[in-house]
Amino acid sequence: MSITITVDLGPRLAEEGTSAHKAELEKLADAVRGFAPGAAAALVDWSGTEIARLRAWSVARSALMERIADLHARLEAESTGRGAFRLIA
């Protein structure tokens, strides 16, 4: 699955609300459902509260970005022929 992450989605969600961006949030929920199922469910729970969806967006985005960083580190390690590690603060 391919998903486009826009840098300005967070501020737009805060300003315009999650219901104005249903399609984007549903795509994000589909993308993270396998490794962040709770966040994915809360992200598209339209009977839930706005704050719950905003929090779920934050968790889902963080999980997705961590997944991307892990993939990048693994690909870099494979391409250089040596192990790589990520520092976690």
Protein backbone atom coordinates (compact mmCIF):
# COMPACT_ATOMS: atom_id res chain seq x y z
CA MET A 1 0.00 0.00 0.00
CA SER A 2 1.19 3.48 -0.79
CA ILE A 3 0.30 6.45 1.37
CA THR A 4 1.25 10.09 0.98
CA ILE A 5 2.10 11.87 4.20
CA THR A 6 1.63 15.59 4.12
CA VAL A 7 3.59 17.72 6.51
CA ASP A 8 0.71 20.10 7.15
CA LEU A 9 -1.98 17.55 8.03
CA GLY A 10 -1.56 18.04 11.79
CA PRO A 11 -2.23 21.77 11.81
CA ARG A 12 -5.05 21.32 9.29
CA LEU A 13 -6.67 18.71 11.53
CA ALA A 14 -6.44 21.06 14.48
CA GLU A 15 -7.90 23.97 12.51
CA GLU A 16 -10.49 22.23 10.34
CA GLY A 17 -11.32 19.13 12.39
CA THR A 18 -10.96 15.47 11.58
CA SER A 19 -14.26 15.16 9.75
CA ALA A 20 -12.92 17.50 7.05
CA HIS A 21 -10.16 14.98 6.32
CA LYS A 22 -11.98 11.65 6.49
CA ALA A 23 -10.39 10.22 3.35
CA GLU A 24 -6.83 10.99 4.51
CA LEU A 25 -7.48 9.56 7.96
CA GLU A 26 -9.02 6.40 6.54
CA LYS A 27 -5.93 5.87 4.36
CA LEU A 28 -3.67 6.39 7.36
CA ALA A 29 -5.77 3.96 9.42
CA ASP A 30 -5.46 1.33 6.67
CA ALA A 31 -1.69 1.86 6.56
CA VAL A 32 -1.13 1.38 10.32
CA ARG A 33 -3.81 -1.20 11.09
CA GLY A 34 -1.30 -4.08 11.09
CA PHE A 35 1.05 -2.60 13.71
CA ALA A 36 -1.09 0.00 15.53
CA PRO A 37 -4.60 -1.47 15.51
CA GLY A 38 -5.93 0.57 18.43
CA ALA A 39 -4.86 3.86 16.88
CA ALA A 40 -6.27 2.80 13.52
CA ALA A 41 -9.64 1.98 15.06
CA ALA A 42 -9.83 5.22 17.06
CA LEU A 43 -8.73 7.27 14.05
CA VAL A 44 -11.83 6.34 12.07
CA ASP A 45 -14.31 6.02 14.94
CA TRP A 46 -16.66 8.75 13.79
CA SER A 47 -18.96 8.21 16.77
CA GLY A 48 -16.03 8.92 19.12
CA THR A 49 -14.78 12.29 20.28
CA GLU A 50 -12.69 14.70 18.26
CA ILE A 51 -9.88 14.66 20.84
CA ALA A 52 -9.72 10.85 20.66
CA ARG A 53 -9.28 11.02 16.88
CA LEU A 54 -6.61 13.72 17.20
CA ARG A 55 -4.71 11.63 19.73
CA ALA A 56 -5.07 8.57 17.52
CA TRP A 57 -3.65 10.58 14.61
CA SER A 58 -0.60 11.42 16.69
CA VAL A 59 -0.05 7.79 17.72
CA ALA A 60 -0.64 6.49 14.18
CA ARG A 61 1.70 9.05 12.63
CA SER A 62 4.43 8.28 15.18
CA ALA A 63 4.07 4.53 14.61
CA LEU A 64 4.22 4.98 10.85
CA MET A 65 7.26 7.25 11.02
CA GLU A 66 9.04 4.75 13.29
CA ARG A 67 8.24 1.97 10.82
CA ILE A 68 9.68 4.06 7.99
CA ALA A 69 12.85 4.78 10.00
CA ASP A 70 13.29 1.08 10.78
CA LEU A 71 12.85 0.16 7.12
CA HIS A 72 15.34 2.82 6.07
CA ALA A 73 17.91 1.57 8.60
CA ARG A 74 17.45 -2.02 7.44
CA LEU A 75 17.81 -1.09 3.77
CA GLU A 76 20.88 1.01 4.52
CA ALA A 77 22.45 -1.88 6.44
CA GLU A 78 21.75 -4.27 3.57
CA SER A 79 23.15 -1.90 0.98
CA THR A 80 26.39 -1.28 2.87
CA GLY A 81 26.87 -4.90 3.78
CA ARG A 82 27.17 -4.21 7.46
CA GLY A 83 24.89 -3.88 10.46
CA ALA A 84 23.31 -0.58 11.33
CA PHE A 85 21.62 0.62 14.45
CA ARG A 86 19.39 3.49 15.45
CA LEU A 87 19.90 5.55 18.59
CA ILE A 88 16.70 6.02 20.52
CA ALA A 89 16.55 8.98 22.85
